[in-house]
Amino acid sequence: MKELIIKSLEKIRPILQRDGGDVELVDVSKDGVVSVKMQGACGNCPGAMMTIKMVIEETLKKEVPGVREVIGV
């Protein structure tokens, strides 16, 4: 599952980098909770949580079987 998550994040990364940010995979739990850390401009952005839920979580749920939730750390 981790490899599929990394591949999906690579697709999302250019969107974040366009705005001066990035995302780092921190952990994947056995029950499908993915922990990510927003970096750069996205790390301090008030909309970071919205990006995690609306962009990253939705993409991972569609592309990676078993992903239940994405949280920011």
PDB file of N, CA and C in Angstrom:
ATOM      1  N   MET A   1       0.819  -1.188   0.000  1.00  0.00           N
ATOM      2  CA  MET A   1       0.000   0.000   0.000  1.00  0.00           C
ATOM      3  C   MET A   1       0.867   1.257   0.000  1.00  0.00           C
ATOM      4  N   LYS A   2       1.966   1.234   0.741  1.00  0.00           N
ATOM      5  CA  LYS A   2       2.828   2.416   0.846  1.00  0.00           C
ATOM      6  C   LYS A   2       3.357   2.854  -0.520  1.00  0.00           C
ATOM      7  N   GLU A   3       3.725   1.898  -1.358  1.00  0.00           N
ATOM      8  CA  GLU A   3       4.248   2.235  -2.690  1.00  0.00           C
ATOM      9  C   GLU A   3       3.185   2.937  -3.536  1.00  0.00           C
ATOM     10  N   LEU A   4       1.925   2.466  -3.450  1.00  0.00           N
ATOM     11  CA  LEU A   4       0.840   3.096  -4.202  1.00  0.00           C
ATOM     12  C   LEU A   4       0.568   4.512  -3.689  1.00  0.00           C
ATOM     13  N   ILE A   5       0.674   4.696  -2.388  1.00  0.00           N
ATOM     14  CA  ILE A   5       0.481   6.023  -1.807  1.00  0.00           C
ATOM     15  C   ILE A   5       1.559   6.978  -2.303  1.00  0.00           C
ATOM     16  N   ILE A   6       2.800   6.511  -2.325  1.00  0.00           N
ATOM     17  CA  ILE A   6       3.906   7.341  -2.805  1.00  0.00           C
ATOM     18  C   ILE A   6       3.680   7.741  -4.262  1.00  0.00           C
ATOM     19  N   LYS A   7       3.235   6.799  -5.087  1.00  0.00           N
ATOM     20  CA  LYS A   7       2.967   7.108  -6.499  1.00  0.00           C
ATOM     21  C   LYS A   7       1.850   8.136  -6.637  1.00  0.00           C
ATOM     22  N   SER A   8       0.805   8.012  -5.834  1.00  0.00           N
ATOM     23  CA  SER A   8      -0.292   8.981  -5.887  1.00  0.00           C
ATOM     24  C   SER A   8       0.166  10.353  -5.423  1.00  0.00           C
ATOM     25  N   LEU A   9       0.977  10.396  -4.379  1.00  0.00           N
ATOM     26  CA  LEU A   9       1.485  11.687  -3.902  1.00  0.00           C
ATOM     27  C   LEU A   9       2.359  12.358  -4.955  1.00  0.00           C
ATOM     28  N   GLU A  10       3.077  11.574  -5.741  1.00  0.00           N
ATOM     29  CA  GLU A  10       3.895  12.138  -6.822  1.00  0.00           C
ATOM     30  C   GLU A  10       3.025  12.852  -7.858  1.00  0.00           C
ATOM     31  N   LYS A  11       1.800  12.382  -8.059  1.00  0.00           N
ATOM     32  CA  LYS A  11       0.874  13.043  -8.992  1.00  0.00           C
ATOM     33  C   LYS A  11       0.348  14.349  -8.415  1.00  0.00           C
ATOM     34  N   ILE A  12       0.175  14.385  -7.096  1.00  0.00           N
ATOM     35  CA  ILE A  12      -0.363  15.568  -6.421  1.00  0.00           C
ATOM     36  C   ILE A  12       0.705  16.635  -6.224  1.00  0.00           C
ATOM     37  N   ARG A  13       1.925  16.205  -6.029  1.00  0.00           N
ATOM     38  CA  ARG A  13       3.051  17.090  -5.678  1.00  0.00           C
ATOM     39  C   ARG A  13       3.189  18.319  -6.601  1.00  0.00           C
ATOM     40  N   PRO A  14       3.079  18.196  -7.934  1.00  0.00           N
ATOM     41  CA  PRO A  14       3.237  19.388  -8.792  1.00  0.00           C
ATOM     42  C   PRO A  14       2.210  20.489  -8.502  1.00  0.00           C
ATOM     43  N   ILE A  15       1.017  20.111  -8.096  1.00  0.00           N
ATOM     44  CA  ILE A  15      -0.010  21.096  -7.751  1.00  0.00           C
ATOM     45  C   ILE A  15       0.449  21.911  -6.544  1.00  0.00           C
ATOM     46  N   LEU A  16       0.986  21.218  -5.547  1.00  0.00           N
ATOM     47  CA  LEU A  16       1.453  21.896  -4.336  1.00  0.00           C
ATOM     48  C   LEU A  16       2.703  22.721  -4.604  1.00  0.00           C
ATOM     49  N   GLN A  17       3.605  22.186  -5.409  1.00  0.00           N
ATOM     50  CA  GLN A  17       4.854  22.881  -5.705  1.00  0.00           C
ATOM     51  C   GLN A  17       4.624  24.155  -6.494  1.00  0.00           C
ATOM     52  N   ARG A  18       3.570  24.188  -7.278  1.00  0.00           N
ATOM     53  CA  ARG A  18       3.229  25.394  -8.034  1.00  0.00           C
ATOM     54  C   ARG A  18       2.978  26.581  -7.104  1.00  0.00           C
ATOM     55  N   ASP A  19       2.486  26.272  -5.897  1.00  0.00           N
ATOM     56  CA  ASP A  19       2.218  27.314  -4.910  1.00  0.00           C
ATOM     57  C   ASP A  19       3.321  27.425  -3.863  1.00  0.00           C
ATOM     58  N   GLY A  20       4.463  26.788  -4.101  1.00  0.00           N
ATOM     59  CA  GLY A  20       5.591  26.887  -3.187  1.00  0.00           C
ATOM     60  C   GLY A  20       5.554  25.911  -2.029  1.00  0.00           C
ATOM     61  N   GLY A  21       4.749  24.862  -2.143  1.00  0.00           N
ATOM     62  CA  GLY A  21       4.634  23.892  -1.063  1.00  0.00           C
ATOM     63  C   GLY A  21       5.013  22.492  -1.495  1.00  0.00           C
ATOM     64  N   ASP A  22       4.784  21.558  -0.605  1.00  0.00           N
ATOM     65  CA  ASP A  22       5.059  20.147  -0.889  1.00  0.00           C
ATOM     66  C   ASP A  22       4.387  19.319   0.191  1.00  0.00           C
ATOM     67  N   VAL A  23       4.452  18.003   0.037  1.00  0.00           N
ATOM     68  CA  VAL A  23       3.879  17.090   1.019  1.00  0.00           C
ATOM     69  C   VAL A  23       4.864  15.949   1.254  1.00  0.00           C
ATOM     70  N   GLU A  24       4.957  15.519   2.510  1.00  0.00           N
ATOM     71  CA  GLU A  24       5.844  14.414   2.880  1.00  0.00           C
ATOM     72  C   GLU A  24       5.006  13.319   3.533  1.00  0.00           C
ATOM     73  N   LEU A  25       5.191  12.090   3.090  1.00  0.00           N
ATOM     74  CA  LEU A  25       4.534  10.950   3.709  1.00  0.00           C
ATOM     75  C   LEU A  25       5.253  10.648   5.018  1.00  0.00           C
ATOM     76  N   VAL A  26       4.513  10.622   6.125  1.00  0.00           N
ATOM     77  CA  VAL A  26       5.097  10.368   7.433  1.00  0.00           C
ATOM     78  C   VAL A  26       4.876   8.919   7.852  1.00  0.00           C
ATOM     79  N   ASP A  27       3.632   8.429   7.702  1.00  0.00           N
ATOM     80  CA  ASP A  27       3.316   7.086   8.175  1.00  0.00           C
ATOM     81  C   ASP A  27       2.062   6.571   7.506  1.00  0.00           C
ATOM     82  N   VAL A  28       1.954   5.239   7.457  1.00  0.00           N
ATOM     83  CA  VAL A  28       0.741   4.573   7.012  1.00  0.00           C
ATOM     84  C   VAL A  28       0.429   3.525   8.075  1.00  0.00           C
ATOM     85  N   SER A  29      -0.720   3.677   8.729  1.00  0.00           N
ATOM     86  CA  SER A  29      -1.076   2.721   9.783  1.00  0.00           C
ATOM     87  C   SER A  29      -1.714   1.474   9.172  1.00  0.00           C
ATOM     88  N   LYS A  30      -1.794   0.435   9.970  1.00  0.00           N
ATOM     89  CA  LYS A  30      -2.378  -0.832   9.508  1.00  0.00           C
ATOM     90  C   LYS A  30      -3.860  -0.696   9.205  1.00  0.00           C
ATOM     91  N   ASP A  31      -4.516   0.280   9.844  1.00  0.00           N
ATOM     92  CA  ASP A  31      -5.955   0.449   9.616  1.00  0.00           C
ATOM     93  C   ASP A  31      -6.278   1.490   8.541  1.00  0.00           C
ATOM     94  N   GLY A  32      -5.283   1.878   7.736  1.00  0.00           N
ATOM     95  CA  GLY A  32      -5.530   2.731   6.575  1.00  0.00           C
ATOM     96  C   GLY A  32      -5.508   4.218   6.826  1.00  0.00           C
ATOM     97  N   VAL A  33      -4.903   4.643   7.918  1.00  0.00           N
ATOM     98  CA  VAL A  33      -4.771   6.078   8.186  1.00  0.00           C
ATOM     99  C   VAL A  33      -3.386   6.531   7.716  1.00  0.00           C
ATOM    100  N   VAL A  34      -3.390   7.494   6.809  1.00  0.00           N
ATOM    101  CA  VAL A  34      -2.151   8.011   6.220  1.00  0.00           C
ATOM    102  C   VAL A  34      -1.823   9.345   6.892  1.00  0.00           C
ATOM    103  N   SER A  35      -0.611   9.465   7.408  1.00  0.00           N
ATOM    104  CA  SER A  35      -0.154  10.716   8.020  1.00  0.00           C
ATOM    105  C   SER A  35       0.786  11.418   7.054  1.00  0.00           C
ATOM    106  N   VAL A  36       0.500  12.696   6.801  1.00  0.00           N
ATOM    107  CA  VAL A  36       1.342  13.493   5.917  1.00  0.00           C
ATOM    108  C   VAL A  36       1.729  14.785   6.615  1.00  0.00           C
ATOM    109  N   LYS A  37       2.839  15.352   6.162  1.00  0.00           N
ATOM    110  CA  LYS A  37       3.288  16.648   6.675  1.00  0.00           C
ATOM    111  C   LYS A  37       3.372  17.611   5.503  1.00  0.00           C
ATOM    112  N   MET A  38       2.662  18.712   5.623  1.00  0.00           N
ATOM    113  CA  MET A  38       2.710  19.733   4.582  1.00  0.00           C
ATOM    114  C   MET A  38       3.982  20.540   4.784  1.00  0.00           C
ATOM    115  N   GLN A  39       4.624  20.919   3.688  1.00  0.00           N
ATOM    116  CA  GLN A  39       5.902  21.618   3.754  1.00  0.00           C
ATOM    117  C   GLN A  39       5.868  22.895   2.937  1.00  0.00           C
ATOM    118  N   GLY A  40       6.876  23.723   3.140  1.00  0.00           N
ATOM    119  CA  GLY A  40       6.996  24.972   2.393  1.00  0.00           C
ATOM    120  C   GLY A  40       5.820  25.885   2.670  1.00  0.00           C
ATOM    121  N   ALA A  41       5.340  26.536   1.638  1.00  0.00           N
ATOM    122  CA  ALA A  41       4.222  27.464   1.778  1.00  0.00           C
ATOM    123  C   ALA A  41       2.968  26.758   2.278  1.00  0.00           C
ATOM    124  N   CYS A  42       2.831  25.479   1.964  1.00  0.00           N
ATOM    125  CA  CYS A  42       1.655  24.718   2.408  1.00  0.00           C
ATOM    126  C   CYS A  42       1.703  24.420   3.903  1.00  0.00           C
ATOM    127  N   GLY A  43       2.896  24.432   4.483  1.00  0.00           N
ATOM    128  CA  GLY A  43       3.030  24.140   5.898  1.00  0.00           C
ATOM    129  C   GLY A  43       2.399  25.189   6.796  1.00  0.00           C
ATOM    130  N   ASN A  44       2.383  26.433   6.336  1.00  0.00           N
ATOM    131  CA  ASN A  44       1.829  27.530   7.127  1.00  0.00           C
ATOM    132  C   ASN A  44       0.521  28.063   6.563  1.00  0.00           C
ATOM    133  N   CYS A  45       0.036  27.457   5.527  1.00  0.00           N
ATOM    134  CA  CYS A  45      -1.167  27.940   4.845  1.00  0.00           C
ATOM    135  C   CYS A  45      -2.416  27.618   5.668  1.00  0.00           C
ATOM    136  N   PRO A  46      -3.308  28.596   5.823  1.00  0.00           N
ATOM    137  CA  PRO A  46      -4.547  28.328   6.557  1.00  0.00           C
ATOM    138  C   PRO A  46      -5.425  27.287   5.849  1.00  0.00           C
ATOM    139  N   GLY A  47      -5.222  27.105   4.576  1.00  0.00           N
ATOM    140  CA  GLY A  47      -6.024  26.134   3.820  1.00  0.00           C
ATOM    141  C   GLY A  47      -5.387  24.759   3.743  1.00  0.00           C
ATOM    142  N   ALA A  48      -4.319  24.517   4.497  1.00  0.00           N
ATOM    143  CA  ALA A  48      -3.606  23.237   4.414  1.00  0.00           C
ATOM    144  C   ALA A  48      -4.504  22.053   4.768  1.00  0.00           C
ATOM    145  N   MET A  49      -5.327  22.210   5.793  1.00  0.00           N
ATOM    146  CA  MET A  49      -6.200  21.110   6.197  1.00  0.00           C
ATOM    147  C   MET A  49      -7.216  20.799   5.105  1.00  0.00           C
ATOM    148  N   MET A  50      -7.691  21.830   4.457  1.00  0.00           N
ATOM    149  CA  MET A  50      -8.630  21.646   3.353  1.00  0.00           C
ATOM    150  C   MET A  50      -7.936  20.916   2.193  1.00  0.00           C
ATOM    151  N   THR A  51      -6.699  21.271   1.920  1.00  0.00           N
ATOM    152  CA  THR A  51      -5.931  20.595   0.877  1.00  0.00           C
ATOM    153  C   THR A  51      -5.731  19.133   1.232  1.00  0.00           C
ATOM    154  N   ILE A  52      -5.433  18.849   2.481  1.00  0.00           N
ATOM    155  CA  ILE A  52      -5.234  17.461   2.910  1.00  0.00           C
ATOM    156  C   ILE A  52      -6.509  16.662   2.687  1.00  0.00           C
ATOM    157  N   LYS A  53      -7.644  17.196   3.102  1.00  0.00           N
ATOM    158  CA  LYS A  53      -8.905  16.458   3.013  1.00  0.00           C
ATOM    159  C   LYS A  53      -9.475  16.424   1.598  1.00  0.00           C
ATOM    160  N   MET A  54      -9.497  17.567   0.925  1.00  0.00           N
ATOM    161  CA  MET A  54     -10.186  17.665  -0.364  1.00  0.00           C
ATOM    162  C   MET A  54      -9.340  17.195  -1.544  1.00  0.00           C
ATOM    163  N   VAL A  55      -8.037  17.320  -1.446  1.00  0.00           N
ATOM    164  CA  VAL A  55      -7.183  16.927  -2.574  1.00  0.00           C
ATOM    165  C   VAL A  55      -6.463  15.614  -2.277  1.00  0.00           C
ATOM    166  N   ILE A  56      -5.680  15.599  -1.222  1.00  0.00           N
ATOM    167  CA  ILE A  56      -4.847  14.430  -0.942  1.00  0.00           C
ATOM    168  C   ILE A  56      -5.697  13.228  -0.529  1.00  0.00           C
ATOM    169  N   GLU A  57      -6.580  13.410   0.455  1.00  0.00           N
ATOM    170  CA  GLU A  57      -7.392  12.288   0.926  1.00  0.00           C
ATOM    171  C   GLU A  57      -8.282  11.737  -0.183  1.00  0.00           C
ATOM    172  N   GLU A  58      -8.952  12.607  -0.900  1.00  0.00           N
ATOM    173  CA  GLU A  58      -9.846  12.139  -1.969  1.00  0.00           C
ATOM    174  C   GLU A  58      -9.075  11.375  -3.045  1.00  0.00           C
ATOM    175  N   THR A  59      -7.912  11.874  -3.425  1.00  0.00           N
ATOM    176  CA  THR A  59      -7.101  11.205  -4.443  1.00  0.00           C
ATOM    177  C   THR A  59      -6.638   9.837  -3.954  1.00  0.00           C
ATOM    178  N   LEU A  60      -6.124   9.792  -2.723  1.00  0.00           N
ATOM    179  CA  LEU A  60      -5.627   8.523  -2.194  1.00  0.00           C
ATOM    180  C   LEU A  60      -6.739   7.502  -2.031  1.00  0.00           C
ATOM    181  N   LYS A  61      -7.907   7.934  -1.592  1.00  0.00           N
ATOM    182  CA  LYS A  61      -9.032   7.007  -1.445  1.00  0.00           C
ATOM    183  C   LYS A  61      -9.437   6.406  -2.790  1.00  0.00           C
ATOM    184  N   LYS A  62      -9.376   7.203  -3.843  1.00  0.00           N
ATOM    185  CA  LYS A  62      -9.730   6.721  -5.183  1.00  0.00           C
ATOM    186  C   LYS A  62      -8.675   5.781  -5.745  1.00  0.00           C
ATOM    187  N   GLU A  63      -7.409   6.070  -5.485  1.00  0.00           N
ATOM    188  CA  GLU A  63      -6.326   5.348  -6.150  1.00  0.00           C
ATOM    189  C   GLU A  63      -5.707   4.219  -5.337  1.00  0.00           C
ATOM    190  N   VAL A  64      -5.887   4.225  -4.026  1.00  0.00           N
ATOM    191  CA  VAL A  64      -5.211   3.238  -3.175  1.00  0.00           C
ATOM    192  C   VAL A  64      -6.241   2.497  -2.321  1.00  0.00           C
ATOM    193  N   PRO A  65      -6.495   1.235  -2.631  1.00  0.00           N
ATOM    194  CA  PRO A  65      -7.419   0.453  -1.813  1.00  0.00           C
ATOM    195  C   PRO A  65      -6.936   0.369  -0.369  1.00  0.00           C
ATOM    196  N   GLY A  66      -7.838   0.577   0.560  1.00  0.00           N
ATOM    197  CA  GLY A  66      -7.496   0.457   1.970  1.00  0.00           C
ATOM    198  C   GLY A  66      -7.236   1.770   2.675  1.00  0.00           C
ATOM    199  N   VAL A  67      -7.080   2.869   1.928  1.00  0.00           N
ATOM    200  CA  VAL A  67      -6.892   4.168   2.581  1.00  0.00           C
ATOM    201  C   VAL A  67      -8.238   4.616   3.140  1.00  0.00           C
ATOM    202  N   ARG A  68      -8.255   4.858   4.442  1.00  0.00           N
ATOM    203  CA  ARG A  68      -9.479   5.238   5.119  1.00  0.00           C
ATOM    204  C   ARG A  68      -9.530   6.742   5.420  1.00  0.00           C
ATOM    205  N   GLU A  69      -8.363   7.298   5.754  1.00  0.00           N
ATOM    206  CA  GLU A  69      -8.305   8.701   6.142  1.00  0.00           C
ATOM    207  C   GLU A  69      -6.887   9.228   5.954  1.00  0.00           C
ATOM    208  N   VAL A  70      -6.777  10.541   5.720  1.00  0.00           N
ATOM    209  CA  VAL A  70      -5.477  11.209   5.661  1.00  0.00           C
ATOM    210  C   VAL A  70      -5.491  12.306   6.711  1.00  0.00           C
ATOM    211  N   ILE A  71      -4.440  12.325   7.534  1.00  0.00           N
ATOM    212  CA  ILE A  71      -4.341  13.348   8.572  1.00  0.00           C
ATOM    213  C   ILE A  71      -3.025  14.113   8.418  1.00  0.00           C
ATOM    214  N   GLY A  72      -3.042  15.365   8.829  1.00  0.00           N
ATOM    215  CA  GLY A  72      -1.842  16.188   8.818  1.00  0.00           C
ATOM    216  C   GLY A  72      -1.167  16.132  10.172  1.00  0.00           C
ATOM    217  N   VAL A  73       0.147  16.062  10.173  1.00  0.00           N
ATOM    218  CA  VAL A  73       0.903  16.035  11.423  1.00  0.00           C
ATOM    219  C   VAL A  73       1.928  17.154  11.442  1.00  0.00           C
TER     220      VAL A  73
END
